[in-house]
Amino acid sequence: MKEWIIKQIENYQQDKSLHTTKKCRFIPSCSEYAKECYKRFSIPYASFLSLKRILKCNPLHSMKYDPVPEKRKDKAKFVSLEESLVALREKSKLK
């Protein structure tokens, strides 16, 4: 699925380059940003980041460098109950 989304972005980039001369407000462009998000992150998180970036692409924001984040900031780690208990035991041994 990710590959299909990336291919659609690439098709958009090729089509856009034939019909417009307008420059993007950001570096990298919004489509490059979205493509990189889909390569690095899950589809829901990449979609969130891409939409957030596209919503910023308006006259109220100045042109600037806005790279794709290296990691998810809100990454929640889901573990089993057993893993949680093991971690708690190890933590209590350290104290």
PDB file of N, CA and C in Angstrom:
ATOM      1  N   MET A   1       0.820  -1.196   0.000  1.00  0.00           N
ATOM      2  CA  MET A   1       0.000   0.000   0.000  1.00  0.00           C
ATOM      3  C   MET A   1       0.865   1.261   0.000  1.00  0.00           C
ATOM      4  N   LYS A   2       1.938   1.250   0.806  1.00  0.00           N
ATOM      5  CA  LYS A   2       2.832   2.404   0.841  1.00  0.00           C
ATOM      6  C   LYS A   2       3.417   2.687  -0.538  1.00  0.00           C
ATOM      7  N   GLU A   3       3.812   1.613  -1.226  1.00  0.00           N
ATOM      8  CA  GLU A   3       4.408   1.776  -2.553  1.00  0.00           C
ATOM      9  C   GLU A   3       3.421   2.434  -3.510  1.00  0.00           C
ATOM     10  N   TRP A   4       2.146   2.064  -3.417  1.00  0.00           N
ATOM     11  CA  TRP A   4       1.125   2.644  -4.279  1.00  0.00           C
ATOM     12  C   TRP A   4       0.967   4.140  -3.990  1.00  0.00           C
ATOM     13  N   ILE A   5       0.955   4.505  -2.706  1.00  0.00           N
ATOM     14  CA  ILE A   5       0.820   5.915  -2.322  1.00  0.00           C
ATOM     15  C   ILE A   5       2.016   6.710  -2.836  1.00  0.00           C
ATOM     16  N   ILE A   6       3.219   6.172  -2.649  1.00  0.00           N
ATOM     17  CA  ILE A   6       4.426   6.857  -3.121  1.00  0.00           C
ATOM     18  C   ILE A   6       4.385   7.025  -4.634  1.00  0.00           C
ATOM     19  N   LYS A   7       3.920   6.015  -5.341  1.00  0.00           N
ATOM     20  CA  LYS A   7       3.811   6.094  -6.804  1.00  0.00           C
ATOM     21  C   LYS A   7       2.823   7.190  -7.209  1.00  0.00           C
ATOM     22  N   GLN A   8       1.722   7.328  -6.481  1.00  0.00           N
ATOM     23  CA  GLN A   8       0.750   8.385  -6.777  1.00  0.00           C
ATOM     24  C   GLN A   8       1.361   9.769  -6.560  1.00  0.00           C
ATOM     25  N   ILE A   9       2.163   9.911  -5.522  1.00  0.00           N
ATOM     26  CA  ILE A   9       2.840  11.187  -5.269  1.00  0.00           C
ATOM     27  C   ILE A   9       3.807  11.489  -6.409  1.00  0.00           C
ATOM     28  N   GLU A  10       4.559  10.482  -6.853  1.00  0.00           N
ATOM     29  CA  GLU A  10       5.492  10.677  -7.966  1.00  0.00           C
ATOM     30  C   GLU A  10       4.750  11.055  -9.246  1.00  0.00           C
ATOM     31  N   ASN A  11       3.608  10.434  -9.499  1.00  0.00           N
ATOM     32  CA  ASN A  11       2.793  10.800 -10.665  1.00  0.00           C
ATOM     33  C   ASN A  11       2.326  12.251 -10.564  1.00  0.00           C
ATOM     34  N   TYR A  12       1.913  12.655  -9.372  1.00  0.00           N
ATOM     35  CA  TYR A  12       1.503  14.042  -9.145  1.00  0.00           C
ATOM     36  C   TYR A  12       2.664  14.993  -9.424  1.00  0.00           C
ATOM     37  N   GLN A  13       3.857  14.644  -8.934  1.00  0.00           N
ATOM     38  CA  GLN A  13       5.017  15.505  -9.142  1.00  0.00           C
ATOM     39  C   GLN A  13       5.327  15.671 -10.627  1.00  0.00           C
ATOM     40  N   GLN A  14       5.266  14.596 -11.379  1.00  0.00           N
ATOM     41  CA  GLN A  14       5.535  14.676 -12.815  1.00  0.00           C
ATOM     42  C   GLN A  14       4.475  15.514 -13.518  1.00  0.00           C
ATOM     43  N   ASP A  15       3.225  15.298 -13.187  1.00  0.00           N
ATOM     44  CA  ASP A  15       2.141  16.048 -13.807  1.00  0.00           C
ATOM     45  C   ASP A  15       2.226  17.527 -13.443  1.00  0.00           C
ATOM     46  N   LYS A  16       2.504  17.820 -12.194  1.00  0.00           N
ATOM     47  CA  LYS A  16       2.592  19.195 -11.707  1.00  0.00           C
ATOM     48  C   LYS A  16       3.725  19.937 -12.400  1.00  0.00           C
ATOM     49  N   SER A  17       4.860  19.283 -12.583  1.00  0.00           N
ATOM     50  CA  SER A  17       6.013  19.949 -13.191  1.00  0.00           C
ATOM     51  C   SER A  17       5.744  20.330 -14.645  1.00  0.00           C
ATOM     52  N   LEU A  18       4.839  19.631 -15.312  1.00  0.00           N
ATOM     53  CA  LEU A  18       4.517  19.950 -16.703  1.00  0.00           C
ATOM     54  C   LEU A  18       3.598  21.164 -16.826  1.00  0.00           C
ATOM     55  N   HIS A  19       2.801  21.438 -15.796  1.00  0.00           N
ATOM     56  CA  HIS A  19       1.757  22.449 -15.917  1.00  0.00           C
ATOM     57  C   HIS A  19       1.965  23.710 -15.088  1.00  0.00           C
ATOM     58  N   THR A  20       2.902  23.713 -14.185  1.00  0.00           N
ATOM     59  CA  THR A  20       3.052  24.896 -13.333  1.00  0.00           C
ATOM     60  C   THR A  20       4.509  25.317 -13.224  1.00  0.00           C
ATOM     61  N   THR A  21       4.685  26.568 -12.850  1.00  0.00           N
ATOM     62  CA  THR A  21       6.027  27.082 -12.569  1.00  0.00           C
ATOM     63  C   THR A  21       6.101  27.615 -11.143  1.00  0.00           C
ATOM     64  N   LYS A  22       4.999  27.528 -10.413  1.00  0.00           N
ATOM     65  CA  LYS A  22       4.937  28.027  -9.046  1.00  0.00           C
ATOM     66  C   LYS A  22       5.842  27.205  -8.131  1.00  0.00           C
ATOM     67  N   LYS A  23       6.563  27.900  -7.274  1.00  0.00           N
ATOM     68  CA  LYS A  23       7.449  27.240  -6.312  1.00  0.00           C
ATOM     69  C   LYS A  23       6.707  26.971  -5.009  1.00  0.00           C
ATOM     70  N   CYS A  24       7.110  25.932  -4.343  1.00  0.00           N
ATOM     71  CA  CYS A  24       6.527  25.589  -3.045  1.00  0.00           C
ATOM     72  C   CYS A  24       7.057  26.548  -1.985  1.00  0.00           C
ATOM     73  N   ARG A  25       6.285  26.767  -0.938  1.00  0.00           N
ATOM     74  CA  ARG A  25       6.693  27.664   0.147  1.00  0.00           C
ATOM     75  C   ARG A  25       7.733  27.025   1.067  1.00  0.00           C
ATOM     76  N   PHE A  26       7.853  25.724   0.996  1.00  0.00           N
ATOM     77  CA  PHE A  26       8.738  25.012   1.911  1.00  0.00           C
ATOM     78  C   PHE A  26       9.833  24.267   1.167  1.00  0.00           C
ATOM     79  N   ILE A  27      10.879  23.986   1.892  1.00  0.00           N
ATOM     80  CA  ILE A  27      11.948  23.105   1.408  1.00  0.00           C
ATOM     81  C   ILE A  27      12.032  21.983   2.425  1.00  0.00           C
ATOM     82  N   PRO A  28      11.872  20.745   2.035  1.00  0.00           N
ATOM     83  CA  PRO A  28      11.500  20.210   0.726  1.00  0.00           C
ATOM     84  C   PRO A  28      10.045  20.537   0.391  1.00  0.00           C
ATOM     85  N   SER A  29       9.692  20.368  -0.874  1.00  0.00           N
ATOM     86  CA  SER A  29       8.318  20.654  -1.302  1.00  0.00           C
ATOM     87  C   SER A  29       7.345  19.751  -0.534  1.00  0.00           C
ATOM     88  N   CYS A  30       6.091  20.130  -0.530  1.00  0.00           N
ATOM     89  CA  CYS A  30       5.080  19.346   0.201  1.00  0.00           C
ATOM     90  C   CYS A  30       4.987  17.914  -0.315  1.00  0.00           C
ATOM     91  N   SER A  31       5.109  17.742  -1.627  1.00  0.00           N
ATOM     92  CA  SER A  31       5.020  16.380  -2.171  1.00  0.00           C
ATOM     93  C   SER A  31       6.255  15.554  -1.810  1.00  0.00           C
ATOM     94  N   GLU A  32       7.444  16.179  -1.806  1.00  0.00           N
ATOM     95  CA  GLU A  32       8.655  15.461  -1.378  1.00  0.00           C
ATOM     96  C   GLU A  32       8.567  15.108   0.104  1.00  0.00           C
ATOM     97  N   TYR A  33       8.044  16.033   0.885  1.00  0.00           N
ATOM     98  CA  TYR A  33       7.856  15.814   2.319  1.00  0.00           C
ATOM     99  C   TYR A  33       6.933  14.615   2.553  1.00  0.00           C
ATOM    100  N   ALA A  34       5.805  14.595   1.838  1.00  0.00           N
ATOM    101  CA  ALA A  34       4.844  13.494   1.982  1.00  0.00           C
ATOM    102  C   ALA A  34       5.472  12.169   1.567  1.00  0.00           C
ATOM    103  N   LYS A  35       6.197  12.182   0.465  1.00  0.00           N
ATOM    104  CA  LYS A  35       6.831  10.950  -0.017  1.00  0.00           C
ATOM    105  C   LYS A  35       7.814  10.410   1.023  1.00  0.00           C
ATOM    106  N   GLU A  36       8.596  11.285   1.615  1.00  0.00           N
ATOM    107  CA  GLU A  36       9.555  10.863   2.642  1.00  0.00           C
ATOM    108  C   GLU A  36       8.833  10.350   3.893  1.00  0.00           C
ATOM    109  N   CYS A  37       7.731  10.985   4.266  1.00  0.00           N
ATOM    110  CA  CYS A  37       6.945  10.524   5.419  1.00  0.00           C
ATOM    111  C   CYS A  37       6.457   9.097   5.211  1.00  0.00           C
ATOM    112  N   TYR A  38       5.946   8.816   4.008  1.00  0.00           N
ATOM    113  CA  TYR A  38       5.433   7.467   3.732  1.00  0.00           C
ATOM    114  C   TYR A  38       6.555   6.439   3.685  1.00  0.00           C
ATOM    115  N   LYS A  39       7.756   6.860   3.351  1.00  0.00           N
ATOM    116  CA  LYS A  39       8.886   5.925   3.356  1.00  0.00           C
ATOM    117  C   LYS A  39       9.323   5.600   4.782  1.00  0.00           C
ATOM    118  N   ARG A  40       9.233   6.570   5.682  1.00  0.00           N
ATOM    119  CA  ARG A  40       9.754   6.403   7.041  1.00  0.00           C
ATOM    120  C   ARG A  40       8.747   5.897   8.067  1.00  0.00           C
ATOM    121  N   PHE A  41       7.487   6.300   7.933  1.00  0.00           N
ATOM    122  CA  PHE A  41       6.518   6.068   8.993  1.00  0.00           C
ATOM    123  C   PHE A  41       5.340   5.215   8.532  1.00  0.00           C
ATOM    124  N   SER A  42       4.493   4.864   9.471  1.00  0.00           N
ATOM    125  CA  SER A  42       3.268   4.115   9.153  1.00  0.00           C
ATOM    126  C   SER A  42       2.342   5.001   8.314  1.00  0.00           C
ATOM    127  N   ILE A  43       1.412   4.376   7.630  1.00  0.00           N
ATOM    128  CA  ILE A  43       0.494   5.127   6.764  1.00  0.00           C
ATOM    129  C   ILE A  43      -0.330   6.157   7.557  1.00  0.00           C
ATOM    130  N   PRO A  44      -0.916   5.803   8.710  1.00  0.00           N
ATOM    131  CA  PRO A  44      -1.692   6.816   9.445  1.00  0.00           C
ATOM    132  C   PRO A  44      -0.840   8.007   9.900  1.00  0.00           C
ATOM    133  N   TYR A  45       0.352   7.738  10.423  1.00  0.00           N
ATOM    134  CA  TYR A  45       1.196   8.833  10.903  1.00  0.00           C
ATOM    135  C   TYR A  45       1.727   9.662   9.738  1.00  0.00           C
ATOM    136  N   ALA A  46       2.104   9.016   8.642  1.00  0.00           N
ATOM    137  CA  ALA A  46       2.573   9.740   7.456  1.00  0.00           C
ATOM    138  C   ALA A  46       1.451  10.611   6.898  1.00  0.00           C
ATOM    139  N   SER A  47       0.238  10.103   6.906  1.00  0.00           N
ATOM    140  CA  SER A  47      -0.914  10.887   6.433  1.00  0.00           C
ATOM    141  C   SER A  47      -1.132  12.102   7.325  1.00  0.00           C
ATOM    142  N   PHE A  48      -1.020  11.903   8.635  1.00  0.00           N
ATOM    143  CA  PHE A  48      -1.163  13.008   9.585  1.00  0.00           C
ATOM    144  C   PHE A  48      -0.116  14.087   9.322  1.00  0.00           C
ATOM    145  N   LEU A  49       1.156  13.686   9.211  1.00  0.00           N
ATOM    146  CA  LEU A  49       2.223  14.657   8.973  1.00  0.00           C
ATOM    147  C   LEU A  49       2.041  15.377   7.641  1.00  0.00           C
ATOM    148  N   SER A  50       1.665  14.641   6.616  1.00  0.00           N
ATOM    149  CA  SER A  50       1.482  15.232   5.287  1.00  0.00           C
ATOM    150  C   SER A  50       0.340  16.244   5.285  1.00  0.00           C
ATOM    151  N   LEU A  51      -0.771  15.886   5.901  1.00  0.00           N
ATOM    152  CA  LEU A  51      -1.909  16.797   5.964  1.00  0.00           C
ATOM    153  C   LEU A  51      -1.557  18.048   6.768  1.00  0.00           C
ATOM    154  N   LYS A  52      -0.862  17.858   7.864  1.00  0.00           N
ATOM    155  CA  LYS A  52      -0.438  18.985   8.694  1.00  0.00           C
ATOM    156  C   LYS A  52       0.433  19.944   7.879  1.00  0.00           C
ATOM    157  N   ARG A  53       1.335  19.390   7.093  1.00  0.00           N
ATOM    158  CA  ARG A  53       2.215  20.205   6.249  1.00  0.00           C
ATOM    159  C   ARG A  53       1.430  20.932   5.161  1.00  0.00           C
ATOM    160  N   ILE A  54       0.513  20.249   4.503  1.00  0.00           N
ATOM    161  CA  ILE A  54      -0.279  20.865   3.431  1.00  0.00           C
ATOM    162  C   ILE A  54      -1.138  22.005   3.981  1.00  0.00           C
ATOM    163  N   LEU A  55      -1.664  21.836   5.188  1.00  0.00           N
ATOM    164  CA  LEU A  55      -2.465  22.898   5.797  1.00  0.00           C
ATOM    165  C   LEU A  55      -1.626  24.135   6.123  1.00  0.00           C
ATOM    166  N   LYS A  56      -0.333  23.956   6.332  1.00  0.00           N
ATOM    167  CA  LYS A  56       0.555  25.098   6.579  1.00  0.00           C
ATOM    168  C   LYS A  56       0.931  25.820   5.291  1.00  0.00           C
ATOM    169  N   CYS A  57       0.660  25.212   4.154  1.00  0.00           N
ATOM    170  CA  CYS A  57       1.063  25.782   2.868  1.00  0.00           C
ATOM    171  C   CYS A  57       0.042  26.834   2.435  1.00  0.00           C
ATOM    172  N   ASN A  58       0.177  28.021   3.001  1.00  0.00           N
ATOM    173  CA  ASN A  58      -0.724  29.127   2.672  1.00  0.00           C
ATOM    174  C   ASN A  58       0.020  30.441   2.866  1.00  0.00           C
ATOM    175  N   PRO A  59      -0.541  31.551   2.429  1.00  0.00           N
ATOM    176  CA  PRO A  59       0.156  32.841   2.517  1.00  0.00           C
ATOM    177  C   PRO A  59       0.472  33.303   3.937  1.00  0.00           C
ATOM    178  N   LEU A  60      -0.157  32.720   4.942  1.00  0.00           N
ATOM    179  CA  LEU A  60       0.111  33.135   6.322  1.00  0.00           C
ATOM    180  C   LEU A  60       1.443  32.604   6.849  1.00  0.00           C
ATOM    181  N   HIS A  61       1.995  31.593   6.201  1.00  0.00           N
ATOM    182  CA  HIS A  61       3.285  31.042   6.615  1.00  0.00           C
ATOM    183  C   HIS A  61       4.371  31.514   5.659  1.00  0.00           C
ATOM    184  N   SER A  62       5.521  31.854   6.228  1.00  0.00           N
ATOM    185  CA  SER A  62       6.633  32.288   5.383  1.00  0.00           C
ATOM    186  C   SER A  62       7.341  31.071   4.786  1.00  0.00           C
ATOM    187  N   MET A  63       8.137  31.318   3.764  1.00  0.00           N
ATOM    188  CA  MET A  63       8.912  30.235   3.158  1.00  0.00           C
ATOM    189  C   MET A  63       9.999  29.824   4.142  1.00  0.00           C
ATOM    190  N   LYS A  64      10.196  28.519   4.303  1.00  0.00           N
ATOM    191  CA  LYS A  64      11.224  28.071   5.238  1.00  0.00           C
ATOM    192  C   LYS A  64      11.585  26.615   5.002  1.00  0.00           C
ATOM    193  N   TYR A  65      12.669  26.209   5.666  1.00  0.00           N
ATOM    194  CA  TYR A  65      13.120  24.822   5.650  1.00  0.00           C
ATOM    195  C   TYR A  65      12.340  24.081   6.720  1.00  0.00           C
ATOM    196  N   ASP A  66      11.662  23.008   6.329  1.00  0.00           N
ATOM    197  CA  ASP A  66      10.824  22.228   7.245  1.00  0.00           C
ATOM    198  C   ASP A  66      11.007  20.745   6.926  1.00  0.00           C
ATOM    199  N   PRO A  67      12.045  20.121   7.481  1.00  0.00           N
ATOM    200  CA  PRO A  67      12.320  18.717   7.139  1.00  0.00           C
ATOM    201  C   PRO A  67      11.361  17.737   7.813  1.00  0.00           C
ATOM    202  N   VAL A  68      11.342  16.531   7.308  1.00  0.00           N
ATOM    203  CA  VAL A  68      10.572  15.443   7.912  1.00  0.00           C
ATOM    204  C   VAL A  68      11.237  15.106   9.248  1.00  0.00           C
ATOM    205  N   PRO A  69      10.461  14.933  10.320  1.00  0.00           N
ATOM    206  CA  PRO A  69      11.074  14.585  11.606  1.00  0.00           C
ATOM    207  C   PRO A  69      11.814  13.248  11.533  1.00  0.00           C
ATOM    208  N   GLU A  70      12.865  13.143  12.312  1.00  0.00           N
ATOM    209  CA  GLU A  70      13.655  11.906  12.331  1.00  0.00           C
ATOM    210  C   GLU A  70      12.868  10.748  12.925  1.00  0.00           C
ATOM    211  N   LYS A  71      12.164  11.018  14.026  1.00  0.00           N
ATOM    212  CA  LYS A  71      11.423   9.968  14.736  1.00  0.00           C
ATOM    213  C   LYS A  71      10.065  10.506  15.142  1.00  0.00           C
ATOM    214  N   ARG A  72       9.183   9.574  15.485  1.00  0.00           N
ATOM    215  CA  ARG A  72       7.900   9.981  16.058  1.00  0.00           C
ATOM    216  C   ARG A  72       8.140  10.480  17.465  1.00  0.00           C
ATOM    217  N   LYS A  73       7.609  11.640  17.790  1.00  0.00           N
ATOM    218  CA  LYS A  73       7.766  12.187  19.132  1.00  0.00           C
ATOM    219  C   LYS A  73       6.815  11.536  20.120  1.00  0.00           C
ATOM    220  N   ASP A  74       5.646  11.148  19.636  1.00  0.00           N
ATOM    221  CA  ASP A  74       4.617  10.615  20.523  1.00  0.00           C
ATOM    222  C   ASP A  74       4.540   9.099  20.447  1.00  0.00           C
ATOM    223  N   LYS A  75       5.643   8.477  20.158  1.00  0.00           N
ATOM    224  CA  LYS A  75       5.636   7.031  19.945  1.00  0.00           C
ATOM    225  C   LYS A  75       5.268   6.303  21.241  1.00  0.00           C
ATOM    226  N   ALA A  76       4.151   5.680  21.223  1.00  0.00           N
ATOM    227  CA  ALA A  76       3.705   4.910  22.384  1.00  0.00           C
ATOM    228  C   ALA A  76       4.152   3.468  22.202  1.00  0.00           C
ATOM    229  N   LYS A  77       4.686   2.901  23.267  1.00  0.00           N
ATOM    230  CA  LYS A  77       5.138   1.520  23.182  1.00  0.00           C
ATOM    231  C   LYS A  77       4.100   0.639  23.861  1.00  0.00           C
ATOM    232  N   PHE A  78       3.515  -0.230  23.090  1.00  0.00           N
ATOM    233  CA  PHE A  78       2.524  -1.151  23.625  1.00  0.00           C
ATOM    234  C   PHE A  78       3.204  -2.487  23.894  1.00  0.00           C
ATOM    235  N   VAL A  79       3.098  -2.934  25.147  1.00  0.00           N
ATOM    236  CA  VAL A  79       3.734  -4.191  25.531  1.00  0.00           C
ATOM    237  C   VAL A  79       2.697  -5.079  26.207  1.00  0.00           C
ATOM    238  N   SER A  80       3.019  -6.339  26.265  1.00  0.00           N
ATOM    239  CA  SER A  80       2.107  -7.277  26.924  1.00  0.00           C
ATOM    240  C   SER A  80       2.201  -7.105  28.434  1.00  0.00           C
ATOM    241  N   LEU A  81       1.249  -7.657  29.131  1.00  0.00           N
ATOM    242  CA  LEU A  81       1.241  -7.603  30.588  1.00  0.00           C
ATOM    243  C   LEU A  81       2.483  -8.280  31.150  1.00  0.00           C
ATOM    244  N   GLU A  82       2.862  -9.390  30.550  1.00  0.00           N
ATOM    245  CA  GLU A  82       4.045 -10.118  31.009  1.00  0.00           C
ATOM    246  C   GLU A  82       5.308  -9.256  30.877  1.00  0.00           C
ATOM    247  N   GLU A  83       5.449  -8.585  29.741  1.00  0.00           N
ATOM    248  CA  GLU A  83       6.616  -7.720  29.546  1.00  0.00           C
ATOM    249  C   GLU A  83       6.620  -6.569  30.545  1.00  0.00           C
ATOM    250  N   SER A  84       5.444  -6.035  30.848  1.00  0.00           N
ATOM    251  CA  SER A  84       5.335  -4.953  31.822  1.00  0.00           C
ATOM    252  C   SER A  84       5.773  -5.413  33.206  1.00  0.00           C
ATOM    253  N   LEU A  85       5.344  -6.611  33.604  1.00  0.00           N
ATOM    254  CA  LEU A  85       5.719  -7.140  34.919  1.00  0.00           C
ATOM    255  C   LEU A  85       7.218  -7.387  35.015  1.00  0.00           C
ATOM    256  N   VAL A  86       7.805  -7.913  33.959  1.00  0.00           N
ATOM    257  CA  VAL A  86       9.254  -8.141  33.938  1.00  0.00           C
ATOM    258  C   VAL A  86       9.985  -6.811  34.076  1.00  0.00           C
ATOM    259  N   ALA A  87       9.536  -5.802  33.351  1.00  0.00           N
ATOM    260  CA  ALA A  87      10.170  -4.486  33.416  1.00  0.00           C
ATOM    261  C   ALA A  87      10.043  -3.885  34.811  1.00  0.00           C
ATOM    262  N   LEU A  88       8.889  -4.047  35.449  1.00  0.00           N
ATOM    263  CA  LEU A  88       8.700  -3.531  36.806  1.00  0.00           C
ATOM    264  C   LEU A  88       9.607  -4.242  37.803  1.00  0.00           C
ATOM    265  N   ARG A  89       9.751  -5.554  37.661  1.00  0.00           N
ATOM    266  CA  ARG A  89      10.643  -6.307  38.558  1.00  0.00           C
ATOM    267  C   ARG A  89      12.087  -5.829  38.406  1.00  0.00           C
ATOM    268  N   GLU A  90      12.509  -5.664  37.166  1.00  0.00           N
ATOM    269  CA  GLU A  90      13.882  -5.210  36.922  1.00  0.00           C
ATOM    270  C   GLU A  90      14.095  -3.809  37.473  1.00  0.00           C
ATOM    271  N   LYS A  91      13.108  -2.952  37.310  1.00  0.00           N
ATOM    272  CA  LYS A  91      13.209  -1.583  37.801  1.00  0.00           C
ATOM    273  C   LYS A  91      13.291  -1.565  39.325  1.00  0.00           C
ATOM    274  N   SER A  92      12.512  -2.421  39.997  1.00  0.00           N
ATOM    275  CA  SER A  92      12.521  -2.456  41.462  1.00  0.00           C
ATOM    276  C   SER A  92      13.836  -3.028  41.997  1.00  0.00           C
ATOM    277  N   LYS A  93      14.489  -3.900  41.237  1.00  0.00           N
ATOM    278  CA  LYS A  93      15.783  -4.449  41.650  1.00  0.00           C
ATOM    279  C   LYS A  93      16.867  -3.389  41.605  1.00  0.00           C
ATOM    280  N   LEU A  94      16.738  -2.423  40.690  1.00  0.00           N
ATOM    281  CA  LEU A  94      17.740  -1.371  40.543  1.00  0.00           C
ATOM    282  C   LEU A  94      17.702  -0.383  41.691  1.00  0.00           C
ATOM    283  N   LYS A  95      16.564  -0.244  42.363  1.00  0.00           N
ATOM    284  CA  LYS A  95      16.431   0.744  43.450  1.00  0.00           C
ATOM    285  C   LYS A  95      16.987   0.267  44.734  1.00  0.00           C
TER     286      LYS A  95
END
